[in-house]
PDB file of N, CA and C in Angstrom:
ATOM      1  N   MET A   1      -3.904  -1.798 -54.704  1.00  0.00           N
ATOM      2  CA  MET A   1      -3.925  -3.262 -54.209  1.00  0.00           C
ATOM      3  C   MET A   1      -2.893  -3.679 -52.998  1.00  0.00           C
ATOM      4  N   PRO A   2      -3.419  -3.949 -51.935  1.00  0.00           N
ATOM      5  CA  PRO A   2      -2.661  -4.320 -50.673  1.00  0.00           C
ATOM      6  C   PRO A   2      -1.290  -5.528 -50.965  1.00  0.00           C
ATOM      7  N   THR A   3      -0.485  -5.283 -50.379  1.00  0.00           N
ATOM      8  CA  THR A   3       0.520  -6.223 -50.692  1.00  0.00           C
ATOM      9  C   THR A   3       0.553  -7.082 -49.307  1.00  0.00           C
ATOM     10  N   THR A   4       0.437  -8.330 -49.412  1.00  0.00           N
ATOM     11  CA  THR A   4       0.594  -9.311 -48.433  1.00  0.00           C
ATOM     12  C   THR A   4       1.854  -9.365 -47.694  1.00  0.00           C
ATOM     13  N   PRO A   5       2.072  -9.471 -46.341  1.00  0.00           N
ATOM     14  CA  PRO A   5       3.645  -9.452 -45.832  1.00  0.00           C
ATOM     15  C   PRO A   5       3.999 -10.911 -45.958  1.00  0.00           C
ATOM     16  N   ILE A   6       5.205 -10.673 -46.173  1.00  0.00           N
ATOM     17  CA  ILE A   6       6.060 -12.036 -46.603  1.00  0.00           C
ATOM     18  C   ILE A   6       6.307 -12.398 -45.367  1.00  0.00           C
ATOM     19  N   PRO A   7       5.852 -13.855 -45.032  1.00  0.00           N
ATOM     20  CA  PRO A   7       6.236 -14.474 -44.134  1.00  0.00           C
ATOM     21  C   PRO A   7       7.728 -14.937 -43.820  1.00  0.00           C
ATOM     22  N   LYS A   8       8.213 -14.625 -42.513  1.00  0.00           N
ATOM     23  CA  LYS A   8       9.422 -14.855 -42.286  1.00  0.00           C
ATOM     24  C   LYS A   8       9.445 -16.421 -41.435  1.00  0.00           C
ATOM     25  N   PRO A   9      10.590 -17.061 -42.066  1.00  0.00           N
ATOM     26  CA  PRO A   9      10.773 -18.463 -41.326  1.00  0.00           C
ATOM     27  C   PRO A   9      11.410 -18.257 -39.955  1.00  0.00           C
ATOM     28  N   ASN A  10      10.738 -19.139 -38.842  1.00  0.00           N
ATOM     29  CA  ASN A  10      11.337 -18.896 -37.651  1.00  0.00           C
ATOM     30  C   ASN A  10      13.018 -19.128 -37.094  1.00  0.00           C
ATOM     31  N   ASP A  11      13.704 -18.067 -37.366  1.00  0.00           N
ATOM     32  CA  ASP A  11      14.986 -18.697 -36.743  1.00  0.00           C
ATOM     33  C   ASP A  11      15.340 -18.498 -35.561  1.00  0.00           C
ATOM     34  N   PRO A  12      15.678 -19.636 -35.052  1.00  0.00           N
ATOM     35  CA  PRO A  12      15.772 -19.525 -33.555  1.00  0.00           C
ATOM     36  C   PRO A  12      17.404 -18.883 -33.070  1.00  0.00           C
ATOM     37  N   GLU A  13      18.050 -18.408 -34.284  1.00  0.00           N
ATOM     38  CA  GLU A  13      19.320 -17.528 -33.809  1.00  0.00           C
ATOM     39  C   GLU A  13      18.962 -16.463 -33.665  1.00  0.00           C
ATOM     40  N   PHE A  14      18.311 -16.035 -34.394  1.00  0.00           N
ATOM     41  CA  PHE A  14      17.827 -14.217 -33.939  1.00  0.00           C
ATOM     42  C   PHE A  14      16.391 -14.253 -33.166  1.00  0.00           C
ATOM     43  N   PRO A  15      16.544 -13.041 -32.440  1.00  0.00           N
ATOM     44  CA  PRO A  15      15.425 -13.007 -31.633  1.00  0.00           C
ATOM     45  C   PRO A  15      14.194 -12.152 -32.601  1.00  0.00           C
ATOM     46  N   PRO A  16      12.857 -12.048 -32.293  1.00  0.00           N
ATOM     47  CA  PRO A  16      11.828 -11.617 -33.322  1.00  0.00           C
ATOM     48  C   PRO A  16      12.317 -10.131 -33.483  1.00  0.00           C
ATOM     49  N   ASP A  17      12.973  -9.355 -32.791  1.00  0.00           N
ATOM     50  CA  ASP A  17      13.033  -7.781 -32.832  1.00  0.00           C
ATOM     51  C   ASP A  17      14.140  -7.558 -33.892  1.00  0.00           C
ATOM     52  N   MET A  18      14.948  -8.428 -33.804  1.00  0.00           N
ATOM     53  CA  MET A  18      16.177  -8.371 -34.452  1.00  0.00           C
ATOM     54  C   MET A  18      16.092  -8.722 -36.433  1.00  0.00           C
ATOM     55  N   PRO A  19      16.337  -7.658 -37.137  1.00  0.00           N
ATOM     56  CA  PRO A  19      16.165  -8.279 -38.417  1.00  0.00           C
ATOM     57  C   PRO A  19      17.151  -9.155 -38.778  1.00  0.00           C
ATOM     58  N   PRO A  20      16.950 -10.112 -39.742  1.00  0.00           N
ATOM     59  CA  PRO A  20      17.875 -11.332 -40.118  1.00  0.00           C
ATOM     60  C   PRO A  20      18.989 -11.296 -41.039  1.00  0.00           C
ATOM     61  N   ASP A  21      19.241  -9.535 -41.290  1.00  0.00           N
ATOM     62  CA  ASP A  21      20.552  -9.481 -41.576  1.00  0.00           C
ATOM     63  C   ASP A  21      21.128  -8.806 -40.798  1.00  0.00           C
ATOM     64  N   VAL A  22      21.072  -8.859 -39.706  1.00  0.00           N
ATOM     65  CA  VAL A  22      21.781  -8.327 -38.391  1.00  0.00           C
ATOM     66  C   VAL A  22      22.435  -9.421 -37.859  1.00  0.00           C
ATOM     67  N   PRO A  23      24.306  -9.737 -37.650  1.00  0.00           N
ATOM     68  CA  PRO A  23      24.519 -11.002 -36.923  1.00  0.00           C
ATOM     69  C   PRO A  23      24.088 -10.739 -35.696  1.00  0.00           C
ATOM     70  N   PRO A  24      24.122 -11.913 -35.101  1.00  0.00           N
ATOM     71  CA  PRO A  24      24.108 -11.874 -33.381  1.00  0.00           C
ATOM     72  C   PRO A  24      25.323 -10.987 -32.695  1.00  0.00           C
ATOM     73  N   ASP A  25      25.230 -10.815 -31.535  1.00  0.00           N
ATOM     74  CA  ASP A  25      26.226  -9.934 -30.623  1.00  0.00           C
ATOM     75  C   ASP A  25      27.833 -10.570 -30.749  1.00  0.00           C
ATOM     76  N   LEU A  26      28.665 -10.310 -30.904  1.00  0.00           N
ATOM     77  CA  LEU A  26      29.652 -11.069 -30.859  1.00  0.00           C
ATOM     78  C   LEU A  26      30.409 -10.719 -29.509  1.00  0.00           C
ATOM     79  N   PRO A  27      31.090 -11.769 -28.843  1.00  0.00           N
ATOM     80  CA  PRO A  27      31.701 -11.350 -27.456  1.00  0.00           C
ATOM     81  C   PRO A  27      32.806 -10.269 -27.774  1.00  0.00           C
ATOM     82  N   GLU A  28      32.980  -9.247 -26.678  1.00  0.00           N
ATOM     83  CA  GLU A  28      34.004  -8.575 -27.040  1.00  0.00           C
ATOM     84  C   GLU A  28      35.312  -9.161 -26.949  1.00  0.00           C
ATOM     85  N   PRO A  29      36.143  -8.732 -27.708  1.00  0.00           N
ATOM     86  CA  PRO A  29      37.565  -9.516 -27.923  1.00  0.00           C
ATOM     87  C   PRO A  29      38.347  -9.138 -26.567  1.00  0.00           C
ATOM     88  N   PRO A  30      39.081 -10.060 -26.235  1.00  0.00           N
ATOM     89  CA  PRO A  30      39.623  -9.451 -24.641  1.00  0.00           C
ATOM     90  C   PRO A  30      41.134  -8.661 -24.900  1.00  0.00           C
ATOM     91  N   ILE A  31      40.954  -7.541 -23.977  1.00  0.00           N
ATOM     92  CA  ILE A  31      41.810  -6.487 -23.973  1.00  0.00           C
ATOM     93  C   ILE A  31      43.377  -7.008 -23.628  1.00  0.00           C
ATOM     94  N   GLU A  32      44.314  -6.921 -24.653  1.00  0.00           N
ATOM     95  CA  GLU A  32      45.290  -7.477 -23.761  1.00  0.00           C
ATOM     96  C   GLU A  32      46.366  -6.025 -23.470  1.00  0.00           C
ATOM     97  N   GLU A  33      46.963  -6.413 -22.002  1.00  0.00           N
ATOM     98  CA  GLU A  33      47.445  -5.319 -21.458  1.00  0.00           C
ATOM     99  C   GLU A  33      48.770  -5.498 -22.225  1.00  0.00           C
ATOM    100  N   PRO A  34      49.606  -4.408 -22.158  1.00  0.00           N
ATOM    101  CA  PRO A  34      50.949  -4.513 -22.563  1.00  0.00           C
ATOM    102  C   PRO A  34      51.616  -4.857 -21.461  1.00  0.00           C
ATOM    103  N   GLU A  35      52.894  -5.548 -21.585  1.00  0.00           N
ATOM    104  CA  GLU A  35      53.755  -5.617 -20.881  1.00  0.00           C
ATOM    105  C   GLU A  35      54.695  -4.372 -20.346  1.00  0.00           C
ATOM    106  N   PRO A  36      54.822  -4.339 -18.888  1.00  0.00           N
ATOM    107  CA  PRO A  36      55.513  -3.456 -18.625  1.00  0.00           C
ATOM    108  C   PRO A  36      56.890  -2.948 -18.862  1.00  0.00           C
ATOM    109  N   ASN A  37      57.417  -1.808 -19.811  1.00  0.00           N
ATOM    110  CA  ASN A  37      58.630  -1.865 -20.313  1.00  0.00           C
ATOM    111  C   ASN A  37      59.648  -1.683 -19.299  1.00  0.00           C
ATOM    112  N   VAL A  38      60.496  -2.636 -19.091  1.00  0.00           N
ATOM    113  CA  VAL A  38      61.535  -2.586 -18.047  1.00  0.00           C
ATOM    114  C   VAL A  38      62.642  -2.437 -18.807  1.00  0.00           C
ATOM    115  N   GLY A  39      63.305  -1.307 -18.213  1.00  0.00           N
ATOM    116  CA  GLY A  39      64.258  -0.659 -18.986  1.00  0.00           C
ATOM    117  C   GLY A  39      65.273  -1.243 -18.349  1.00  0.00           C
ATOM    118  N   PRO A  40      66.875  -0.962 -18.411  1.00  0.00           N
ATOM    119  CA  PRO A  40      68.283  -1.464 -17.700  1.00  0.00           C
ATOM    120  C   PRO A  40      68.208  -0.742 -16.169  1.00  0.00           C
ATOM    121  N   ASP A  41      67.481   0.528 -16.119  1.00  0.00           N
ATOM    122  CA  ASP A  41      67.444   1.174 -14.887  1.00  0.00           C
ATOM    123  C   ASP A  41      66.303   0.336 -13.971  1.00  0.00           C
ATOM    124  N   GLU A  42      65.433  -0.324 -14.384  1.00  0.00           N
ATOM    125  CA  GLU A  42      64.158  -0.820 -13.468  1.00  0.00           C
ATOM    126  C   GLU A  42      64.325  -2.355 -13.393  1.00  0.00           C
ATOM    127  N   ALA A  43      65.354  -2.829 -14.240  1.00  0.00           N
ATOM    128  CA  ALA A  43      65.683  -4.673 -14.167  1.00  0.00           C
ATOM    129  C   ALA A  43      66.002  -4.733 -12.423  1.00  0.00           C
ATOM    130  N   PRO A  44      65.622  -5.699 -11.894  1.00  0.00           N
ATOM    131  CA  PRO A  44      66.235  -5.996 -10.503  1.00  0.00           C
ATOM    132  C   PRO A  44      67.399  -6.460 -10.519  1.00  0.00           C
ATOM    133  N   ASP A  45      68.582  -6.116  -9.867  1.00  0.00           N
ATOM    134  CA  ASP A  45      69.811  -6.365 -10.006  1.00  0.00           C
ATOM    135  C   ASP A  45      70.154  -8.001  -9.234  1.00  0.00           C
ATOM    136  N   ILE A  46      70.267  -9.012 -10.210  1.00  0.00           N
ATOM    137  CA  ILE A  46      70.479 -10.395  -9.416  1.00  0.00           C
ATOM    138  C   ILE A  46      71.766 -10.625  -9.201  1.00  0.00           C
ATOM    139  N   SER A  47      72.676  -9.516  -9.656  1.00  0.00           N
ATOM    140  CA  SER A  47      74.317 -10.079  -9.774  1.00  0.00           C
ATOM    141  C   SER A  47      74.518  -9.401  -8.212  1.00  0.00           C
ATOM    142  N   PRO A  48      75.529  -9.933  -7.372  1.00  0.00           N
ATOM    143  CA  PRO A  48      75.855  -9.417  -6.314  1.00  0.00           C
ATOM    144  C   PRO A  48      76.677  -7.970  -6.481  1.00  0.00           C
ATOM    145  N   LEU A  49      76.850  -7.022  -5.948  1.00  0.00           N
ATOM    146  CA  LEU A  49      77.041  -5.836  -5.815  1.00  0.00           C
ATOM    147  C   LEU A  49      78.941  -5.695  -6.168  1.00  0.00           C
ATOM    148  N   PRO A  50      79.435  -5.153  -6.839  1.00  0.00           N
ATOM    149  CA  PRO A  50      80.672  -5.199  -6.652  1.00  0.00           C
ATOM    150  C   PRO A  50      81.791  -4.910  -5.230  1.00  0.00           C
ATOM    151  N   GLY A  51      82.523  -5.627  -4.982  1.00  0.00           N
ATOM    152  CA  GLY A  51      82.919  -5.698  -3.555  1.00  0.00           C
ATOM    153  C   GLY A  51      82.080  -6.702  -2.604  1.00  0.00           C
ATOM    154  N   GLU A  52      81.070  -7.230  -2.841  1.00  0.00           N
ATOM    155  CA  GLU A  52      80.379  -7.710  -2.105  1.00  0.00           C
ATOM    156  C   GLU A  52      80.418  -9.391  -1.921  1.00  0.00           C
ATOM    157  N   GLU A  53      80.682  -9.822  -0.634  1.00  0.00           N
ATOM    158  CA  GLU A  53      80.954 -11.217  -0.620  1.00  0.00           C
ATOM    159  C   GLU A  53      80.152 -12.227  -1.189  1.00  0.00           C
ATOM    160  N   ILE A  54      80.095 -13.117  -1.820  1.00  0.00           N
ATOM    161  CA  ILE A  54      79.228 -14.044  -2.173  1.00  0.00           C
ATOM    162  C   ILE A  54      79.167 -15.029  -1.521  1.00  0.00           C
ATOM    163  N   PRO A  55      77.891 -15.465  -0.641  1.00  0.00           N
ATOM    164  CA  PRO A  55      77.780 -16.565   0.396  1.00  0.00           C
ATOM    165  C   PRO A  55      78.331 -17.723  -0.207  1.00  0.00           C
ATOM    166  N   GLN A  56      78.701 -18.685   0.606  1.00  0.00           N
ATOM    167  CA  GLN A  56      79.643 -19.873   0.391  1.00  0.00           C
ATOM    168  C   GLN A  56      78.564 -20.811  -0.319  1.00  0.00           C
ATOM    169  N   ARG A  57      77.210 -20.564   0.162  1.00  0.00           N
ATOM    170  CA  ARG A  57      76.339 -21.943  -0.559  1.00  0.00           C
ATOM    171  C   ARG A  57      75.997 -21.193  -2.062  1.00  0.00           C
ATOM    172  N   MET A  58      76.540 -19.993  -2.655  1.00  0.00           N
ATOM    173  CA  MET A  58      76.311 -19.759  -3.561  1.00  0.00           C
ATOM    174  C   MET A  58      77.409 -20.070  -4.462  1.00  0.00           C
ATOM    175  N   ARG A  59      78.575 -20.270  -4.059  1.00  0.00           N
ATOM    176  CA  ARG A  59      79.801 -20.592  -4.776  1.00  0.00           C
ATOM    177  C   ARG A  59      79.615 -21.720  -5.703  1.00  0.00           C
ATOM    178  N   ASN A  60      80.313 -21.921  -6.559  1.00  0.00           N
ATOM    179  CA  ASN A  60      80.091 -23.462  -7.178  1.00  0.00           C
ATOM    180  C   ASN A  60      81.684 -24.164  -6.861  1.00  0.00           C
TER     181      ASN A  60
END
């Protein structure tokens, strides 16, 4: 006894070649780049060097 194919509803969310139980492709999650690890040796020195004269405009 031949079985009749089960009619599938037209679901616009799924393409015809994709089975209904497969979810649509999700977008790739954004790759978060780790911030550069700045150690004490790599940190920019914003304080004046010892013995260096501080300009007049920087004095309070």
